[in-house]
């Protein structure tokens, strides 16, 4: 209970510091917000300028603006977009499902396939299957996401015509179809990392004394692998999967841009190019929060998978 309270306290402190850094960065960004709020020079009359500055609190000091922004965030008000003139929360809610579903599909792929390949590679250590899996995963970890995405688009969308080149789809089933290729592109690098971590931890577990004792008792190889090797290897694997998912939630920009998806990542790029500061602030804060929530969930789940961790924590 004390550990959980410390984690929540660390989360709140990190969020407070992150929010300050994010707001300060946008506040110090070059350019006058009036240039983006009133694009037509003919509309920049004294009355219009005064009204806009008052509406967006541009004449307030930095501490006042930061306090108003934090107060709004705590009440669910993320501000108003400079470009779309709509609440940022509404814009986020329309884009967030695409990003979350994309990450969920990619996570399902890299967790299932990555762990399976790692298990096969560890159990066939030194064999042909191990060499092939190790070679392929090494290659995948060295290829950037945008290269993988472009190759997949060229082969499966343009040449074979199995998937659409861009778009997020309408309706759940159609959206799953449109996100399949982007999810594969997002998952391949992570799949390789999870496979290698699974292989390494299982190889280490197979050489431990308790596994040798289990074998000496005549237990079937399948039971030894499932109960003593794979189970004790899940801790590091789950931790790595959690960190990858957290980074994916904050790093879908490239994939969404290549596949023309209307997600949070593509909106971040568009907002930066358009100097839409309230949207940029909200997305960056979401990325920080998403990363921290996933890592805290992993910290909570880890002791459930490996009770030895909880015992060491309680002893400390």
Foldseek 3Di string as FASTA:
>chain_A
DVVLVVLVVVLVVVLVVLLVVLLVVLVPDDDDLVCLLPVDPVQPDPVSVVVVCVVQVVVDDSVVNSVVCVVCVVVVFLDAWSHPRHTLSVLQVVFAVLLVVLLVLLLVVLLVLLLVLLVVLQVQPPDPSVVVLLVQLVVLLPDDLLVLLVVLCVPVCPPVNQEDQAEQADDDVRNCRNSVSLSCSLNSNSSSVLSVLNNVQLNVQCPDDVLVVVVVVVDDPVCSCVPRRNLVSVLVSLLSSLQSSLVSSLPCLSSCVRRVYRHLNVVLVVCVVSSRSSNVSVSSSVSSSSSSVSNVVSVVCNCVSPVVVVVVVVVD
